[in-house]
Amino acid sequence: MAEKRKYKKRYCKYCEAKVDFMDYKDAGALRFSLSERYKIMPRRLTGNCKRHQDMISVVIKRARAAALVPYTVTRKTVVTAPFENLK
């Protein structure tokens, strides 16, 4: 029988920093929760708690509506440095 792999425990970096509010205008801080194709990364990959993941998803959706972050990038459009434009 195969042994079960042991992974390190992921933690919420926003809980550790005691973040209560996230601003959608700070697009540079959102890049840790976005993939290279600007999709929202799931909790199991980022390690965020449910409360902060919900806050992040709302903030990213607001930033997309304000055209600060693109919705998605197609496969045909190759982006060499996706977060270079985010300041």
PDB file of N, CA and C in Angstrom:
ATOM      1  N   MET A   1       0.818  -1.191   0.000  1.00  0.00           N
ATOM      2  CA  MET A   1       0.000   0.000   0.000  1.00  0.00           C
ATOM      3  C   MET A   1       0.859   1.250   0.000  1.00  0.00           C
ATOM      4  N   ALA A   2       0.432   2.241  -0.725  1.00  0.00           N
ATOM      5  CA  ALA A   2       1.189   3.480  -0.798  1.00  0.00           C
ATOM      6  C   ALA A   2       0.992   4.306   0.471  1.00  0.00           C
ATOM      7  N   GLU A   3       2.065   4.924   0.886  1.00  0.00           N
ATOM      8  CA  GLU A   3       1.980   5.763   2.072  1.00  0.00           C
ATOM      9  C   GLU A   3       1.372   7.106   1.712  1.00  0.00           C
ATOM     10  N   LYS A   4       0.658   7.664   2.646  1.00  0.00           N
ATOM     11  CA  LYS A   4       0.034   8.963   2.435  1.00  0.00           C
ATOM     12  C   LYS A   4       1.097  10.050   2.546  1.00  0.00           C
ATOM     13  N   ARG A   5       1.088  10.962   1.600  1.00  0.00           N
ATOM     14  CA  ARG A   5       2.056  12.049   1.620  1.00  0.00           C
ATOM     15  C   ARG A   5       1.705  13.053   2.693  1.00  0.00           C
ATOM     16  N   LYS A   6       2.724  13.595   3.300  1.00  0.00           N
ATOM     17  CA  LYS A   6       2.504  14.607   4.328  1.00  0.00           C
ATOM     18  C   LYS A   6       2.935  15.961   3.767  1.00  0.00           C
ATOM     19  N   TYR A   7       2.011  16.888   3.780  1.00  0.00           N
ATOM     20  CA  TYR A   7       2.266  18.227   3.302  1.00  0.00           C
ATOM     21  C   TYR A   7       2.362  19.172   4.489  1.00  0.00           C
ATOM     22  N   LYS A   8       3.071  20.266   4.285  1.00  0.00           N
ATOM     23  CA  LYS A   8       3.140  21.235   5.374  1.00  0.00           C
ATOM     24  C   LYS A   8       1.811  21.965   5.489  1.00  0.00           C
ATOM     25  N   LYS A   9       1.487  22.365   6.675  1.00  0.00           N
ATOM     26  CA  LYS A   9       0.235  23.052   6.951  1.00  0.00           C
ATOM     27  C   LYS A   9       0.281  24.443   6.357  1.00  0.00           C
ATOM     28  N   ARG A  10      -0.707  24.757   5.522  1.00  0.00           N
ATOM     29  CA  ARG A  10      -0.809  26.094   4.955  1.00  0.00           C
ATOM     30  C   ARG A  10      -1.544  26.985   5.943  1.00  0.00           C
ATOM     31  N   TYR A  11      -1.167  28.237   5.970  1.00  0.00           N
ATOM     32  CA  TYR A  11      -1.775  29.172   6.896  1.00  0.00           C
ATOM     33  C   TYR A  11      -2.239  30.412   6.141  1.00  0.00           C
ATOM     34  N   CYS A  12      -3.159  31.101   6.742  1.00  0.00           N
ATOM     35  CA  CYS A  12      -3.700  32.318   6.130  1.00  0.00           C
ATOM     36  C   CYS A  12      -2.785  33.491   6.477  1.00  0.00           C
ATOM     37  N   LYS A  13      -2.140  34.042   5.458  1.00  0.00           N
ATOM     38  CA  LYS A  13      -1.226  35.154   5.706  1.00  0.00           C
ATOM     39  C   LYS A  13      -1.967  36.423   6.094  1.00  0.00           C
ATOM     40  N   TYR A  14      -3.262  36.504   5.746  1.00  0.00           N
ATOM     41  CA  TYR A  14      -4.048  37.675   6.104  1.00  0.00           C
ATOM     42  C   TYR A  14      -4.465  37.620   7.581  1.00  0.00           C
ATOM     43  N   CYS A  15      -4.710  36.431   8.098  1.00  0.00           N
ATOM     44  CA  CYS A  15      -5.002  36.293   9.530  1.00  0.00           C
ATOM     45  C   CYS A  15      -3.752  36.610  10.350  1.00  0.00           C
ATOM     46  N   GLU A  16      -2.618  36.167   9.855  1.00  0.00           N
ATOM     47  CA  GLU A  16      -1.363  36.425  10.560  1.00  0.00           C
ATOM     48  C   GLU A  16      -1.056  37.918  10.611  1.00  0.00           C
ATOM     49  N   ALA A  17      -1.370  38.637   9.519  1.00  0.00           N
ATOM     50  CA  ALA A  17      -1.139  40.081   9.470  1.00  0.00           C
ATOM     51  C   ALA A  17      -2.302  40.877  10.068  1.00  0.00           C
ATOM     52  N   LYS A  18      -3.364  40.186  10.490  1.00  0.00           N
ATOM     53  CA  LYS A  18      -4.553  40.792  11.098  1.00  0.00           C
ATOM     54  C   LYS A  18      -5.190  41.831  10.179  1.00  0.00           C
ATOM     55  N   VAL A  19      -5.469  41.405   8.945  1.00  0.00           N
ATOM     56  CA  VAL A  19      -6.085  42.269   7.944  1.00  0.00           C
ATOM     57  C   VAL A  19      -7.603  42.211   8.105  1.00  0.00           C
ATOM     58  N   ASP A  20      -8.222  43.384   8.248  1.00  0.00           N
ATOM     59  CA  ASP A  20      -9.679  43.454   8.365  1.00  0.00           C
ATOM     60  C   ASP A  20     -10.328  44.033   7.116  1.00  0.00           C
ATOM     61  N   PHE A  21      -9.554  44.759   6.320  1.00  0.00           N
ATOM     62  CA  PHE A  21     -10.105  45.422   5.143  1.00  0.00           C
ATOM     63  C   PHE A  21      -9.111  45.317   3.997  1.00  0.00           C
ATOM     64  N   MET A  22      -9.635  45.018   2.799  1.00  0.00           N
ATOM     65  CA  MET A  22      -8.804  44.974   1.596  1.00  0.00           C
ATOM     66  C   MET A  22      -9.360  45.972   0.596  1.00  0.00           C
ATOM     67  N   ASP A  23      -8.471  46.684  -0.057  1.00  0.00           N
ATOM     68  CA  ASP A  23      -8.878  47.706  -1.004  1.00  0.00           C
ATOM     69  C   ASP A  23      -8.704  47.189  -2.421  1.00  0.00           C
ATOM     70  N   TYR A  24      -9.721  47.357  -3.249  1.00  0.00           N
ATOM     71  CA  TYR A  24      -9.663  46.859  -4.617  1.00  0.00           C
ATOM     72  C   TYR A  24      -8.714  47.687  -5.479  1.00  0.00           C
ATOM     73  N   LYS A  25      -8.384  48.907  -5.042  1.00  0.00           N
ATOM     74  CA  LYS A  25      -7.516  49.773  -5.833  1.00  0.00           C
ATOM     75  C   LYS A  25      -6.041  49.384  -5.719  1.00  0.00           C
ATOM     76  N   ASP A  26      -5.707  48.574  -4.735  1.00  0.00           N
ATOM     77  CA  ASP A  26      -4.334  48.101  -4.570  1.00  0.00           C
ATOM     78  C   ASP A  26      -4.168  46.799  -5.351  1.00  0.00           C
ATOM     79  N   ALA A  27      -4.017  46.925  -6.657  1.00  0.00           N
ATOM     80  CA  ALA A  27      -3.969  45.757  -7.540  1.00  0.00           C
ATOM     81  C   ALA A  27      -2.686  44.965  -7.360  1.00  0.00           C
ATOM     82  N   GLY A  28      -1.631  45.591  -6.908  1.00  0.00           N
ATOM     83  CA  GLY A  28      -0.375  44.877  -6.692  1.00  0.00           C
ATOM     84  C   GLY A  28      -0.468  43.842  -5.591  1.00  0.00           C
ATOM     85  N   ALA A  29      -1.287  44.101  -4.586  1.00  0.00           N
ATOM     86  CA  ALA A  29      -1.449  43.152  -3.489  1.00  0.00           C
ATOM     87  C   ALA A  29      -2.307  41.955  -3.889  1.00  0.00           C
ATOM     88  N   LEU A  30      -3.069  42.095  -4.956  1.00  0.00           N
ATOM     89  CA  LEU A  30      -3.952  41.013  -5.391  1.00  0.00           C
ATOM     90  C   LEU A  30      -3.224  39.950  -6.202  1.00  0.00           C
ATOM     91  N   ARG A  31      -2.012  40.224  -6.628  1.00  0.00           N
ATOM     92  CA  ARG A  31      -1.337  39.295  -7.527  1.00  0.00           C
ATOM     93  C   ARG A  31      -0.996  37.966  -6.866  1.00  0.00           C
ATOM     94  N   PHE A  32      -0.963  37.918  -5.536  1.00  0.00           N
ATOM     95  CA  PHE A  32      -0.686  36.666  -4.841  1.00  0.00           C
ATOM     96  C   PHE A  32      -1.891  35.735  -4.848  1.00  0.00           C
ATOM     97  N   SER A  33      -3.057  36.274  -5.145  1.00  0.00           N
ATOM     98  CA  SER A  33      -4.280  35.471  -5.174  1.00  0.00           C
ATOM     99  C   SER A  33      -4.772  35.231  -6.591  1.00  0.00           C
ATOM    100  N   LEU A  34      -3.995  35.653  -7.585  1.00  0.00           N
ATOM    101  CA  LEU A  34      -4.359  35.453  -8.983  1.00  0.00           C
ATOM    102  C   LEU A  34      -3.344  34.537  -9.655  1.00  0.00           C
ATOM    103  N   SER A  35      -3.817  33.721 -10.579  1.00  0.00           N
ATOM    104  CA  SER A  35      -2.905  32.883 -11.347  1.00  0.00           C
ATOM    105  C   SER A  35      -2.300  33.710 -12.482  1.00  0.00           C
ATOM    106  N   GLU A  36      -1.420  33.089 -13.273  1.00  0.00           N
ATOM    107  CA  GLU A  36      -0.785  33.825 -14.370  1.00  0.00           C
ATOM    108  C   GLU A  36      -1.766  34.174 -15.473  1.00  0.00           C
ATOM    109  N   ARG A  37      -2.936  33.525 -15.462  1.00  0.00           N
ATOM    110  CA  ARG A  37      -3.989  33.864 -16.423  1.00  0.00           C
ATOM    111  C   ARG A  37      -5.087  34.695 -15.765  1.00  0.00           C
ATOM    112  N   TYR A  38      -4.771  35.291 -14.620  1.00  0.00           N
ATOM    113  CA  TYR A  38      -5.653  36.196 -13.866  1.00  0.00           C
ATOM    114  C   TYR A  38      -6.916  35.514 -13.358  1.00  0.00           C
ATOM    115  N   LYS A  39      -6.827  34.249 -13.035  1.00  0.00           N
ATOM    116  CA  LYS A  39      -7.951  33.571 -12.402  1.00  0.00           C
ATOM    117  C   LYS A  39      -7.748  33.592 -10.887  1.00  0.00           C
ATOM    118  N   ILE A  40      -8.837  33.564 -10.143  1.00  0.00           N
ATOM    119  CA  ILE A  40      -8.754  33.564  -8.688  1.00  0.00           C
ATOM    120  C   ILE A  40      -8.293  32.181  -8.243  1.00  0.00           C
ATOM    121  N   MET A  41      -7.226  32.153  -7.451  1.00  0.00           N
ATOM    122  CA  MET A  41      -6.686  30.878  -6.989  1.00  0.00           C
ATOM    123  C   MET A  41      -7.523  30.347  -5.829  1.00  0.00           C
ATOM    124  N   PRO A  42      -7.720  29.032  -5.749  1.00  0.00           N
ATOM    125  CA  PRO A  42      -8.549  28.462  -4.686  1.00  0.00           C
ATOM    126  C   PRO A  42      -7.849  28.457  -3.330  1.00  0.00           C
ATOM    127  N   ARG A  43      -8.637  28.237  -2.306  1.00  0.00           N
ATOM    128  CA  ARG A  43      -8.133  28.237  -0.930  1.00  0.00           C
ATOM    129  C   ARG A  43      -7.104  27.151  -0.687  1.00  0.00           C
ATOM    130  N   ARG A  44      -7.282  26.021  -1.325  1.00  0.00           N
ATOM    131  CA  ARG A  44      -6.369  24.903  -1.069  1.00  0.00           C
ATOM    132  C   ARG A  44      -4.962  25.188  -1.578  1.00  0.00           C
ATOM    133  N   LEU A  45      -4.831  26.113  -2.523  1.00  0.00           N
ATOM    134  CA  LEU A  45      -3.512  26.473  -3.031  1.00  0.00           C
ATOM    135  C   LEU A  45      -2.914  27.666  -2.296  1.00  0.00           C
ATOM    136  N   THR A  46      -3.743  28.633  -1.936  1.00  0.00           N
ATOM    137  CA  THR A  46      -3.228  29.831  -1.276  1.00  0.00           C
ATOM    138  C   THR A  46      -3.129  29.665   0.230  1.00  0.00           C
ATOM    139  N   GLY A  47      -3.950  28.802   0.811  1.00  0.00           N
ATOM    140  CA  GLY A  47      -3.925  28.614   2.255  1.00  0.00           C
ATOM    141  C   GLY A  47      -4.752  29.628   3.012  1.00  0.00           C
ATOM    142  N   ASN A  48      -5.563  30.392   2.325  1.00  0.00           N
ATOM    143  CA  ASN A  48      -6.379  31.408   2.991  1.00  0.00           C
ATOM    144  C   ASN A  48      -7.536  30.765   3.743  1.00  0.00           C
ATOM    145  N   CYS A  49      -7.998  31.451   4.779  1.00  0.00           N
ATOM    146  CA  CYS A  49      -9.197  30.996   5.479  1.00  0.00           C
ATOM    147  C   CYS A  49     -10.416  31.431   4.666  1.00  0.00           C
ATOM    148  N   LYS A  50     -11.573  30.917   5.037  1.00  0.00           N
ATOM    149  CA  LYS A  50     -12.787  31.196   4.268  1.00  0.00           C
ATOM    150  C   LYS A  50     -13.138  32.682   4.278  1.00  0.00           C
ATOM    151  N   ARG A  51     -12.992  33.301   5.415  1.00  0.00           N
ATOM    152  CA  ARG A  51     -13.341  34.722   5.552  1.00  0.00           C
ATOM    153  C   ARG A  51     -12.503  35.592   4.610  1.00  0.00           C
ATOM    154  N   HIS A  52     -11.203  35.370   4.608  1.00  0.00           N
ATOM    155  CA  HIS A  52     -10.338  36.190   3.769  1.00  0.00           C
ATOM    156  C   HIS A  52     -10.440  35.789   2.303  1.00  0.00           C
ATOM    157  N   GLN A  53     -10.714  34.530   2.011  1.00  0.00           N
ATOM    158  CA  GLN A  53     -10.897  34.136   0.613  1.00  0.00           C
ATOM    159  C   GLN A  53     -12.137  34.799   0.032  1.00  0.00           C
ATOM    160  N   ASP A  54     -13.197  34.903   0.823  1.00  0.00           N
ATOM    161  CA  ASP A  54     -14.404  35.603   0.362  1.00  0.00           C
ATOM    162  C   ASP A  54     -14.115  37.087   0.132  1.00  0.00           C
ATOM    163  N   MET A  55     -13.335  37.695   1.030  1.00  0.00           N
ATOM    164  CA  MET A  55     -12.970  39.095   0.866  1.00  0.00           C
ATOM    165  C   MET A  55     -12.135  39.290  -0.398  1.00  0.00           C
ATOM    166  N   ILE A  56     -11.209  38.388  -0.646  1.00  0.00           N
ATOM    167  CA  ILE A  56     -10.344  38.483  -1.823  1.00  0.00           C
ATOM    168  C   ILE A  56     -11.159  38.360  -3.098  1.00  0.00           C
ATOM    169  N   SER A  57     -12.098  37.416  -3.114  1.00  0.00           N
ATOM    170  CA  SER A  57     -12.893  37.230  -4.332  1.00  0.00           C
ATOM    171  C   SER A  57     -13.740  38.464  -4.629  1.00  0.00           C
ATOM    172  N   VAL A  58     -14.295  39.095  -3.611  1.00  0.00           N
ATOM    173  CA  VAL A  58     -15.085  40.320  -3.819  1.00  0.00           C
ATOM    174  C   VAL A  58     -14.191  41.453  -4.307  1.00  0.00           C
ATOM    175  N   VAL A  59     -13.010  41.583  -3.712  1.00  0.00           N
ATOM    176  CA  VAL A  59     -12.085  42.654  -4.091  1.00  0.00           C
ATOM    177  C   VAL A  59     -11.603  42.466  -5.527  1.00  0.00           C
ATOM    178  N   ILE A  60     -11.290  41.235  -5.916  1.00  0.00           N
ATOM    179  CA  ILE A  60     -10.828  40.975  -7.286  1.00  0.00           C
ATOM    180  C   ILE A  60     -11.950  41.257  -8.281  1.00  0.00           C
ATOM    181  N   LYS A  61     -13.164  40.883  -7.948  1.00  0.00           N
ATOM    182  CA  LYS A  61     -14.295  41.146  -8.844  1.00  0.00           C
ATOM    183  C   LYS A  61     -14.537  42.648  -8.989  1.00  0.00           C
ATOM    184  N   ARG A  62     -14.358  43.411  -7.921  1.00  0.00           N
ATOM    185  CA  ARG A  62     -14.499  44.864  -8.000  1.00  0.00           C
ATOM    186  C   ARG A  62     -13.379  45.476  -8.833  1.00  0.00           C
ATOM    187  N   ALA A  63     -12.170  44.951  -8.684  1.00  0.00           N
ATOM    188  CA  ALA A  63     -11.040  45.463  -9.465  1.00  0.00           C
ATOM    189  C   ALA A  63     -11.212  45.136 -10.941  1.00  0.00           C
ATOM    190  N   ARG A  64     -11.802  44.002 -11.246  1.00  0.00           N
ATOM    191  CA  ARG A  64     -12.080  43.651 -12.643  1.00  0.00           C
ATOM    192  C   ARG A  64     -13.124  44.592 -13.230  1.00  0.00           C
ATOM    193  N   ALA A  65     -14.150  44.912 -12.461  1.00  0.00           N
ATOM    194  CA  ALA A  65     -15.200  45.809 -12.944  1.00  0.00           C
ATOM    195  C   ALA A  65     -14.659  47.224 -13.155  1.00  0.00           C
ATOM    196  N   ALA A  66     -13.668  47.614 -12.353  1.00  0.00           N
ATOM    197  CA  ALA A  66     -13.056  48.933 -12.493  1.00  0.00           C
ATOM    198  C   ALA A  66     -11.918  48.926 -13.515  1.00  0.00           C
ATOM    199  N   ALA A  67     -11.696  47.800 -14.172  1.00  0.00           N
ATOM    200  CA  ALA A  67     -10.673  47.624 -15.220  1.00  0.00           C
ATOM    201  C   ALA A  67      -9.251  47.792 -14.688  1.00  0.00           C
ATOM    202  N   LEU A  68      -9.034  47.467 -13.414  1.00  0.00           N
ATOM    203  CA  LEU A  68      -7.685  47.478 -12.862  1.00  0.00           C
ATOM    204  C   LEU A  68      -6.990  46.143 -13.084  1.00  0.00           C
ATOM    205  N   VAL A  69      -7.784  45.076 -13.161  1.00  0.00           N
ATOM    206  CA  VAL A  69      -7.288  43.721 -13.393  1.00  0.00           C
ATOM    207  C   VAL A  69      -8.096  43.133 -14.538  1.00  0.00           C
ATOM    208  N   PRO A  70      -7.444  42.499 -15.516  1.00  0.00           N
ATOM    209  CA  PRO A  70      -8.211  41.896 -16.611  1.00  0.00           C
ATOM    210  C   PRO A  70      -8.996  40.683 -16.133  1.00  0.00           C
ATOM    211  N   TYR A  71     -10.043  40.337 -16.863  1.00  0.00           N
ATOM    212  CA  TYR A  71     -10.852  39.182 -16.476  1.00  0.00           C
ATOM    213  C   TYR A  71     -10.068  37.895 -16.634  1.00  0.00           C
ATOM    214  N   THR A  72      -9.735  37.507 -17.848  1.00  0.00           N
ATOM    215  CA  THR A  72      -8.890  36.343 -18.090  1.00  0.00           C
ATOM    216  C   THR A  72      -8.061  36.582 -19.336  1.00  0.00           C
ATOM    217  N   VAL A  73      -7.040  35.791 -19.488  1.00  0.00           N
ATOM    218  CA  VAL A  73      -6.185  35.857 -20.658  1.00  0.00           C
ATOM    219  C   VAL A  73      -6.399  34.570 -21.430  1.00  0.00           C
ATOM    220  N   THR A  74      -6.593  34.674 -22.732  1.00  0.00           N
ATOM    221  CA  THR A  74      -6.821  33.476 -23.533  1.00  0.00           C
ATOM    222  C   THR A  74      -5.522  32.708 -23.722  1.00  0.00           C
ATOM    223  N   ARG A  75      -5.652  31.479 -24.172  1.00  0.00           N
ATOM    224  CA  ARG A  75      -4.473  30.656 -24.416  1.00  0.00           C
ATOM    225  C   ARG A  75      -3.618  31.209 -25.536  1.00  0.00           C
ATOM    226  N   LYS A  76      -4.257  31.806 -26.507  1.00  0.00           N
ATOM    227  CA  LYS A  76      -3.532  32.297 -27.675  1.00  0.00           C
ATOM    228  C   LYS A  76      -2.743  33.559 -27.370  1.00  0.00           C
ATOM    229  N   THR A  77      -3.197  34.314 -26.396  1.00  0.00           N
ATOM    230  CA  THR A  77      -2.493  35.525 -26.002  1.00  0.00           C
ATOM    231  C   THR A  77      -1.440  35.153 -24.965  1.00  0.00           C
ATOM    232  N   VAL A  78      -0.201  35.200 -25.363  1.00  0.00           N
ATOM    233  CA  VAL A  78       0.883  34.837 -24.455  1.00  0.00           C
ATOM    234  C   VAL A  78       1.352  36.087 -23.745  1.00  0.00           C
ATOM    235  N   VAL A  79       1.361  36.027 -22.426  1.00  0.00           N
ATOM    236  CA  VAL A  79       1.812  37.148 -21.615  1.00  0.00           C
ATOM    237  C   VAL A  79       3.125  36.736 -20.973  1.00  0.00           C
ATOM    238  N   THR A  80       4.191  37.456 -21.281  1.00  0.00           N
ATOM    239  CA  THR A  80       5.488  37.083 -20.734  1.00  0.00           C
ATOM    240  C   THR A  80       5.596  37.390 -19.246  1.00  0.00           C
ATOM    241  N   ALA A  81       5.177  38.555 -18.838  1.00  0.00           N
ATOM    242  CA  ALA A  81       5.215  38.948 -17.429  1.00  0.00           C
ATOM    243  C   ALA A  81       3.822  39.465 -17.066  1.00  0.00           C
ATOM    244  N   PRO A  82       2.941  38.604 -16.557  1.00  0.00           N
ATOM    245  CA  PRO A  82       1.548  39.006 -16.359  1.00  0.00           C
ATOM    246  C   PRO A  82       1.337  40.107 -15.322  1.00  0.00           C
ATOM    247  N   PHE A  83       2.182  40.175 -14.299  1.00  0.00           N
ATOM    248  CA  PHE A  83       1.957  41.154 -13.234  1.00  0.00           C
ATOM    249  C   PHE A  83       2.858  42.366 -13.346  1.00  0.00           C
ATOM    250  N   GLU A  84       3.454  42.547 -14.501  1.00  0.00           N
ATOM    251  CA  GLU A  84       4.332  43.688 -14.701  1.00  0.00           C
ATOM    252  C   GLU A  84       3.545  44.992 -14.740  1.00  0.00           C
ATOM    253  N   ASN A  85       2.325  44.942 -15.298  1.00  0.00           N
ATOM    254  CA  ASN A  85       1.511  46.155 -15.425  1.00  0.00           C
ATOM    255  C   ASN A  85       0.833  46.546 -14.114  1.00  0.00           C
ATOM    256  N   LEU A  86       0.682  45.597 -13.191  1.00  0.00           N
ATOM    257  CA  LEU A  86       0.050  45.902 -11.911  1.00  0.00           C
ATOM    258  C   LEU A  86       1.057  46.588 -11.011  1.00  0.00           C
ATOM    259  N   LYS A  87       0.688  47.698 -10.456  1.00  0.00           N
ATOM    260  CA  LYS A  87       1.617  48.451  -9.600  1.00  0.00           C
ATOM    261  C   LYS A  87       1.210  48.348  -8.169  1.00  0.00           C
TER     262      LYS A  87
END
